[in-house]
Amino acid sequence: MFREMRRFKQALTEEECVAVLKEEKRATFAVHGEDGYPYALPINYWYDENDGCIYFHCAKEGHKLDAMKADDKVCFTVWQEGPQEPGEWWYHMKSVICFGRAEVMEDGDEKFEKARNFGAKYFPTKEYLDEELAHSYARVNMVRIHIDHMTGKRVKEN
């Protein structure tokens, strides 16, 4: 169903993929958009190691929600710039690509818990997070991506 990675010698282990998902803060989320065009956009996200799913928030309506309703298959890509070794101009980066299915969360308690965990990754204090949740949570959808297939790759950019 999913292709094998062509450069398998550069493959990351599952543990290395999870580490990248946990550490990084931004990714590209792609859906099958309108009129056959792909629609990819940058997002902030949170990876829950307990259930192996990716979470992000979005508005209650819009292009990505319409696309997910029409086709729940998505692609999620995250990368880290990686270090530069002394004397080298290139980076030693890692990237992770996840194929999965996206769903808008319905359960109120679970949705709130995931929103709180997502926010804890980005907001500087618990107080700031609580204030933001009180102010805008009612206007937010939480989306869960169930990962069907994940690959990671180590790249030396030169």
Protein backbone atom coordinates (compact mmCIF):
# COMPACT_ATOMS: atom_id res chain seq x y z
CA MET A 1 0.00 0.00 0.00
CA PHE A 2 2.78 2.45 0.90
CA ARG A 3 6.02 2.60 -1.02
CA GLU A 4 9.26 1.50 0.54
CA MET A 5 11.71 4.31 1.10
CA ARG A 6 14.14 4.44 -1.81
CA ARG A 7 17.10 5.60 0.30
CA PHE A 8 16.58 3.02 3.03
CA LYS A 9 20.13 3.46 4.38
CA GLN A 10 19.12 6.95 5.49
CA ALA A 11 15.95 5.75 7.22
CA LEU A 12 15.23 6.80 10.78
CA THR A 13 14.03 4.28 13.32
CA GLU A 14 10.52 4.63 14.70
CA GLU A 15 12.02 5.99 17.94
CA GLU A 16 13.95 8.65 16.00
CA CYS A 17 10.77 9.60 14.09
CA VAL A 18 8.86 9.97 17.35
CA ALA A 19 11.65 12.14 18.79
CA VAL A 20 11.40 14.51 15.80
CA LEU A 21 7.60 14.64 16.13
CA LYS A 22 7.89 15.45 19.83
CA GLU A 23 10.66 18.06 19.51
CA GLU A 24 9.60 20.13 16.54
CA LYS A 25 6.82 22.72 16.65
CA ARG A 26 5.81 23.30 13.05
CA ALA A 27 4.89 21.07 10.14
CA THR A 28 3.13 21.03 6.80
CA PHE A 29 -0.36 19.51 6.67
CA ALA A 30 -1.61 18.46 3.24
CA VAL A 31 -5.06 17.43 2.05
CA HIS A 32 -6.71 16.67 -1.27
CA GLY A 33 -8.02 20.15 -2.07
CA GLU A 34 -10.59 21.53 -4.45
CA ASP A 35 -10.58 20.80 -8.18
CA GLY A 36 -7.91 18.12 -7.75
CA TYR A 37 -5.28 20.50 -6.40
CA PRO A 38 -3.32 19.55 -3.29
CA TYR A 39 -3.70 21.97 -0.39
CA ALA A 40 -0.75 22.14 2.00
CA LEU A 41 -0.35 24.61 4.82
CA PRO A 42 1.97 25.21 7.76
CA ILE A 43 0.56 24.32 11.18
CA ASN A 44 1.56 24.05 14.81
CA TYR A 45 0.89 20.62 16.25
CA TRP A 46 1.30 18.32 19.24
CA TYR A 47 2.22 14.64 19.07
CA ASP A 48 0.73 12.43 21.79
CA GLU A 49 3.12 9.57 22.44
CA ASN A 50 0.44 7.74 24.46
CA ASP A 51 -1.94 7.22 21.55
CA GLY A 52 0.47 7.81 18.64
CA CYS A 53 -1.70 10.55 17.14
CA ILE A 54 -0.99 14.09 15.98
CA TYR A 55 -3.22 16.97 17.10
CA PHE A 56 -3.75 20.51 15.90
CA HIS A 57 -6.43 23.15 16.20
CA CYS A 58 -8.28 25.08 13.54
CA ALA A 59 -11.34 27.23 13.00
CA LYS A 60 -14.86 25.80 12.85
CA GLU A 61 -15.03 26.22 9.06
CA GLY A 62 -12.71 26.63 6.12
CA HIS A 63 -10.84 25.04 3.25
CA LYS A 64 -9.00 22.33 5.21
CA LEU A 65 -12.17 21.21 7.03
CA ASP A 66 -14.09 20.99 3.77
CA ALA A 67 -11.23 19.00 2.22
CA MET A 68 -11.06 16.62 5.23
CA LYS A 69 -14.81 16.01 5.04
CA ALA A 70 -14.50 15.11 1.35
CA ASP A 71 -11.42 12.90 1.88
CA ASP A 72 -9.95 12.18 5.30
CA LYS A 73 -6.60 10.94 3.92
CA VAL A 74 -3.85 13.43 4.75
CA CYS A 75 -0.10 13.86 4.68
CA PHE A 76 1.85 15.47 7.52
CA THR A 77 5.50 16.46 7.12
CA VAL A 78 7.85 17.74 9.80
CA TRP A 79 11.58 18.44 9.64
CA GLN A 80 14.32 19.77 11.79
CA GLU A 81 17.05 21.99 10.44
CA GLY A 82 19.63 19.93 12.25
CA PRO A 83 23.14 20.89 13.20
CA GLN A 84 25.98 22.18 11.09
CA GLU A 85 29.28 20.50 11.78
CA PRO A 86 32.29 22.80 12.25
CA GLY A 87 33.68 23.86 8.89
CA GLU A 88 30.62 22.65 6.94
CA TRP A 89 28.03 24.87 5.24
CA TRP A 90 25.40 22.12 4.99
CA TYR A 91 22.99 20.84 7.61
CA HIS A 92 22.48 17.32 8.91
CA MET A 93 18.69 17.29 9.08
CA LYS A 94 15.97 14.77 9.83
CA SER A 95 12.50 14.70 8.34
CA VAL A 96 9.38 12.66 9.07
CA ILE A 97 6.44 12.05 6.77
CA CYS A 98 3.18 10.63 8.13
CA PHE A 99 0.26 9.42 6.05
CA GLY A 100 -2.95 9.09 7.96
CA ARG A 101 -6.58 9.94 8.42
CA ALA A 102 -7.81 13.15 9.99
CA GLU A 103 -10.92 13.59 12.09
CA VAL A 104 -12.48 16.53 13.88
CA MET A 105 -12.77 15.62 17.54
CA GLU A 106 -16.27 15.54 19.02
CA ASP A 107 -15.85 14.36 22.64
CA GLY A 108 -15.83 17.46 24.85
CA ASP A 109 -13.63 16.21 27.69
CA GLU A 110 -11.09 14.51 25.45
CA LYS A 111 -11.05 17.47 23.06
CA PHE A 112 -10.37 19.87 25.95
CA GLU A 113 -7.59 17.63 27.30
CA LYS A 114 -5.88 17.51 23.89
CA ALA A 115 -6.29 21.29 23.47
CA ARG A 116 -4.65 21.81 26.86
CA ASN A 117 -1.74 19.50 25.99
CA PHE A 118 -1.35 21.20 22.61
CA GLY A 119 -1.29 24.62 24.30
CA ALA A 120 1.22 23.52 26.93
CA LYS A 121 3.72 22.95 24.11
CA TYR A 122 3.47 26.58 22.97
CA PHE A 123 2.34 28.87 25.78
CA PRO A 124 4.96 30.10 28.25
CA THR A 125 2.90 29.60 31.44
CA LYS A 126 -0.09 27.63 32.68
CA GLU A 127 -1.83 30.91 33.55
CA TYR A 128 -1.42 32.22 30.02
CA LEU A 129 -2.72 28.91 28.63
CA ASP A 130 -5.76 28.94 30.96
CA GLU A 131 -6.55 32.51 29.92
CA GLU A 132 -6.31 31.66 26.23
CA LEU A 133 -8.48 28.55 26.60
CA ALA A 134 -11.13 30.55 28.48
CA HIS A 135 -11.08 33.22 25.79
CA SER A 136 -11.08 31.17 22.58
CA TYR A 137 -11.73 27.46 23.19
CA ALA A 138 -15.42 27.73 22.17
CA ARG A 139 -14.34 28.82 18.68
CA VAL A 140 -11.81 26.03 18.15
CA ASN A 141 -11.90 22.62 16.51
CA MET A 142 -9.33 20.04 17.48
CA VAL A 143 -8.22 17.66 14.74
CA ARG A 144 -6.68 14.24 15.35
CA ILE A 145 -4.51 12.50 12.77
CA HIS A 146 -4.39 8.73 13.10
CA ILE A 147 -1.06 7.71 11.58
CA ASP A 148 -1.30 4.84 9.10
CA HIS A 149 2.29 4.98 7.86
CA MET A 150 5.35 6.90 9.03
CA THR A 151 8.83 7.19 7.58
CA GLY A 152 11.80 9.29 8.54
CA LYS A 153 15.01 10.16 6.80
CA ARG A 154 18.42 11.50 7.75
CA VAL A 155 19.78 13.91 5.14
CA LYS A 156 23.14 15.59 4.69
CA GLU A 157 22.33 18.53 2.43
CA ASN A 158 25.56 18.76 0.43
